[in-house]
Amino acid sequence: MSEMVSEIATLLLMAFALGMDAFSVGLGMGMYELRYRKIFKIGITIGLFHVWMPLVGLIAGKFLSEKFGMFATFMGGLLLLILGVQMMWMGLKKGEETVITPIGFGLLVFALSVSLDSFSVGLTLGIYGAKTILVILCFGIAATLQTWAGLLLGRKVQGWLGAYSEALGGAILFAFGLKLLAQFW
């Protein structure tokens, strides 16, 4: 039972970390004059992308795990380290943000761009043998809620937290990468 609670807590923390980029970009997008219906639709779209991307990653990761075993686990940990560093770097980089309009094709580009890291983490979790339903539920719900929070908060503030929230998410993924790699030393 405690193993299940530990896995759920770990997945929720990872889902929170992965949703930070959706939150931070949502802060910027929230400064558009968006109606609540549009905010709802954007959150659902991001949530769905955060379900499909890790699902594809999980399937690929389970395949790789069966074929390559411990090497695949090592590569998964390394991938989380790299992804974490990239998120921290991008989160702390100032003044180079481009804002995509959250309408039509722009919404799909936005959803894909903030969920690509979910594919990589899904790949790692597939290698590690995580429970698929639990992963996609945690990732989808967290991304949806964080997107909504970012969009709604963006209506109120002028983006003072955005970059730092993505850096925090990167630090969390980096820590999980270290945790995976620690078993090799």
Protein backbone atom coordinates (compact mmCIF):
# COMPACT_ATOMS: atom_id res chain seq x y z
CA MET A 1 0.00 0.00 0.00
CA SER A 2 2.76 2.47 0.89
CA GLU A 3 4.47 1.65 -2.42
CA MET A 4 1.31 2.74 -4.28
CA VAL A 5 1.07 5.97 -2.24
CA SER A 6 4.74 6.65 -2.96
CA GLU A 7 4.21 6.08 -6.70
CA ILE A 8 1.17 8.37 -6.76
CA ALA A 9 3.06 11.10 -4.88
CA THR A 10 6.01 10.79 -7.27
CA LEU A 11 3.77 10.94 -10.34
CA LEU A 12 1.85 13.94 -9.00
CA LEU A 13 5.11 15.79 -8.37
CA MET A 14 6.33 14.94 -11.89
CA ALA A 15 2.98 15.98 -13.35
CA PHE A 16 3.25 19.27 -11.47
CA ALA A 17 6.78 19.79 -12.82
CA LEU A 18 5.68 19.05 -16.39
CA GLY A 19 2.68 21.34 -16.11
CA MET A 20 4.84 24.29 -15.07
CA ASP A 21 5.62 25.22 -18.67
CA ALA A 22 1.89 25.20 -19.50
CA PHE A 23 1.32 27.35 -16.42
CA SER A 24 4.05 29.83 -17.30
CA VAL A 25 3.04 30.16 -20.94
CA GLY A 26 -0.58 30.37 -19.78
CA LEU A 27 0.38 33.37 -17.67
CA GLY A 28 1.45 35.20 -20.81
CA MET A 29 -1.54 34.05 -22.82
CA GLY A 30 -3.88 35.02 -20.01
CA MET A 31 -3.08 38.64 -20.77
CA TYR A 32 -5.12 38.32 -23.94
CA GLU A 33 -8.77 39.22 -23.56
CA LEU A 34 -9.88 35.59 -23.25
CA ARG A 35 -13.39 34.59 -22.33
CA TYR A 36 -13.88 31.90 -19.70
CA ARG A 37 -15.17 29.50 -22.35
CA LYS A 38 -11.89 29.91 -24.28
CA ILE A 39 -9.85 29.42 -21.11
CA PHE A 40 -11.81 26.21 -20.45
CA LYS A 41 -11.15 24.95 -23.99
CA ILE A 42 -7.42 25.76 -23.82
CA GLY A 43 -7.07 23.89 -20.51
CA ILE A 44 -8.86 20.81 -21.86
CA THR A 45 -6.74 20.82 -25.03
CA ILE A 46 -3.49 21.05 -23.04
CA GLY A 47 -4.72 18.30 -20.70
CA LEU A 48 -5.47 15.99 -23.63
CA PHE A 49 -2.04 16.57 -25.11
CA HIS A 50 -0.55 15.78 -21.68
CA VAL A 51 -2.42 12.46 -21.83
CA TRP A 52 -1.51 11.42 -25.39
CA MET A 53 2.13 12.45 -25.40
CA PRO A 54 3.15 10.50 -22.27
CA LEU A 55 0.99 7.56 -23.39
CA VAL A 56 2.97 7.28 -26.63
CA GLY A 57 6.17 7.72 -24.60
CA LEU A 58 5.11 5.01 -22.13
CA ILE A 59 4.42 2.53 -24.90
CA ALA A 60 7.79 3.25 -26.52
CA GLY A 61 9.52 3.11 -23.12
CA LYS A 62 8.04 -0.29 -22.24
CA PHE A 63 9.19 -1.62 -25.60
CA LEU A 64 12.71 -0.25 -25.05
CA SER A 65 12.80 -1.61 -21.51
CA GLU A 66 11.98 -5.10 -22.71
CA LYS A 67 14.67 -4.91 -25.38
CA PHE A 68 17.45 -3.02 -23.60
CA GLY A 69 16.84 -3.44 -19.82
CA MET A 70 19.18 -1.49 -17.52
CA PHE A 71 20.70 0.51 -20.39
CA ALA A 72 17.24 1.88 -21.16
CA THR A 73 16.76 2.82 -17.47
CA PHE A 74 20.11 4.64 -17.49
CA MET A 75 19.16 6.49 -20.68
CA GLY A 76 15.79 7.42 -19.17
CA GLY A 77 17.50 8.98 -16.15
CA LEU A 78 19.93 10.81 -18.40
CA LEU A 79 17.01 12.08 -20.50
CA LEU A 80 15.32 13.50 -17.39
CA LEU A 81 18.56 15.26 -16.40
CA ILE A 82 18.89 16.84 -19.84
CA LEU A 83 15.22 17.82 -19.96
CA GLY A 84 15.45 19.33 -16.48
CA VAL A 85 18.52 21.39 -17.39
CA GLN A 86 16.85 22.57 -20.60
CA MET A 87 13.69 23.63 -18.73
CA MET A 88 15.76 25.47 -16.10
CA TRP A 89 17.81 27.21 -18.79
CA MET A 90 14.77 28.26 -20.80
CA GLY A 91 12.93 29.33 -17.66
CA LEU A 92 15.73 31.62 -16.54
CA LYS A 93 16.44 33.06 -20.00
CA LYS A 94 14.87 36.51 -20.16
CA GLY A 95 13.18 38.46 -22.93
CA GLU A 96 13.08 35.83 -25.66
CA GLU A 97 9.51 34.60 -25.23
CA THR A 98 7.25 34.48 -28.22
CA VAL A 99 3.54 34.43 -27.55
CA ILE A 100 1.41 32.18 -29.73
CA THR A 101 -2.23 33.18 -30.13
CA PRO A 102 -4.34 30.49 -28.40
CA ILE A 103 -6.83 30.13 -31.26
CA GLY A 104 -7.17 27.38 -33.88
CA PHE A 105 -3.80 26.20 -35.19
CA GLY A 106 -2.00 28.39 -32.62
CA LEU A 107 -3.72 26.46 -29.82
CA LEU A 108 -2.52 23.14 -31.27
CA VAL A 109 1.04 24.47 -31.60
CA PHE A 110 0.88 25.73 -28.02
CA ALA A 111 -0.48 22.39 -26.75
CA LEU A 112 2.19 20.43 -28.60
CA SER A 113 5.02 22.69 -27.50
CA VAL A 114 4.17 22.47 -23.80
CA SER A 115 3.56 18.71 -23.90
CA LEU A 116 6.66 17.50 -25.76
CA ASP A 117 8.50 17.08 -22.48
CA SER A 118 5.65 14.79 -21.35
CA PHE A 119 6.59 12.41 -24.17
CA SER A 120 10.17 12.23 -22.90
CA VAL A 121 9.09 11.68 -19.32
CA GLY A 122 6.53 9.10 -20.50
CA LEU A 123 9.35 7.31 -22.29
CA THR A 124 11.35 7.24 -19.05
CA LEU A 125 8.36 6.08 -17.01
CA GLY A 126 7.65 3.34 -19.56
CA ILE A 127 11.21 2.11 -19.18
CA TYR A 128 10.82 2.26 -15.41
CA GLY A 129 7.54 0.30 -15.55
CA ALA A 130 5.10 2.90 -14.19
CA LYS A 131 1.36 2.23 -14.24
CA THR A 132 0.00 3.68 -17.48
CA ILE A 133 -3.47 4.75 -16.30
CA LEU A 134 -2.04 6.42 -13.22
CA VAL A 135 0.54 8.33 -15.28
CA ILE A 136 -1.88 9.68 -17.87
CA LEU A 137 -4.49 10.63 -15.28
CA CYS A 138 -1.96 12.51 -13.14
CA PHE A 139 -0.36 14.24 -16.13
CA GLY A 140 -3.64 15.15 -17.83
CA ILE A 141 -5.38 16.49 -14.74
CA ALA A 142 -2.33 18.40 -13.50
CA ALA A 143 -1.70 20.01 -16.90
CA THR A 144 -5.34 21.02 -17.29
CA LEU A 145 -5.52 22.57 -13.82
CA GLN A 146 -2.17 24.34 -14.16
CA THR A 147 -3.10 25.72 -17.57
CA TRP A 148 -6.35 27.09 -16.19
CA ALA A 149 -4.51 28.55 -13.20
CA GLY A 150 -1.93 30.21 -15.46
CA LEU A 151 -4.52 31.66 -17.79
CA LEU A 152 -6.68 32.97 -14.97
CA LEU A 153 -3.73 34.36 -13.05
CA GLY A 154 -2.39 35.89 -16.26
CA ARG A 155 -5.53 37.98 -16.39
CA LYS A 156 -4.57 39.44 -13.00
CA VAL A 157 -0.76 39.80 -13.06
CA GLN A 158 1.85 40.76 -15.62
CA GLY A 159 3.90 37.55 -15.82
CA TRP A 160 6.20 38.06 -12.80
CA LEU A 161 6.25 34.32 -11.97
CA GLY A 162 6.31 32.73 -15.44
CA ALA A 163 10.00 32.14 -16.08
CA TYR A 164 10.74 31.01 -12.56
CA SER A 165 7.90 28.46 -12.53
CA GLU A 166 9.38 26.70 -15.59
CA ALA A 167 12.81 26.69 -13.92
CA LEU A 168 11.26 25.09 -10.82
CA GLY A 169 9.68 22.39 -12.99
CA GLY A 170 13.07 21.74 -14.60
CA ALA A 171 14.72 21.40 -11.20
CA ILE A 172 12.14 18.80 -10.14
CA LEU A 173 12.70 16.73 -13.32
CA PHE A 174 16.47 17.03 -12.84
CA ALA A 175 16.11 15.65 -9.31
CA PHE A 176 14.10 12.66 -10.57
CA GLY A 177 16.77 12.02 -13.20
CA LEU A 178 19.39 11.96 -10.44
CA LYS A 179 17.21 9.56 -8.45
CA LEU A 180 17.02 7.16 -11.41
CA LEU A 181 20.76 7.39 -12.07
CA ALA A 182 21.64 6.93 -8.37
CA GLN A 183 20.90 3.20 -8.62
CA PHE A 184 23.93 2.81 -10.89
CA TRP A 185 26.36 4.12 -8.27
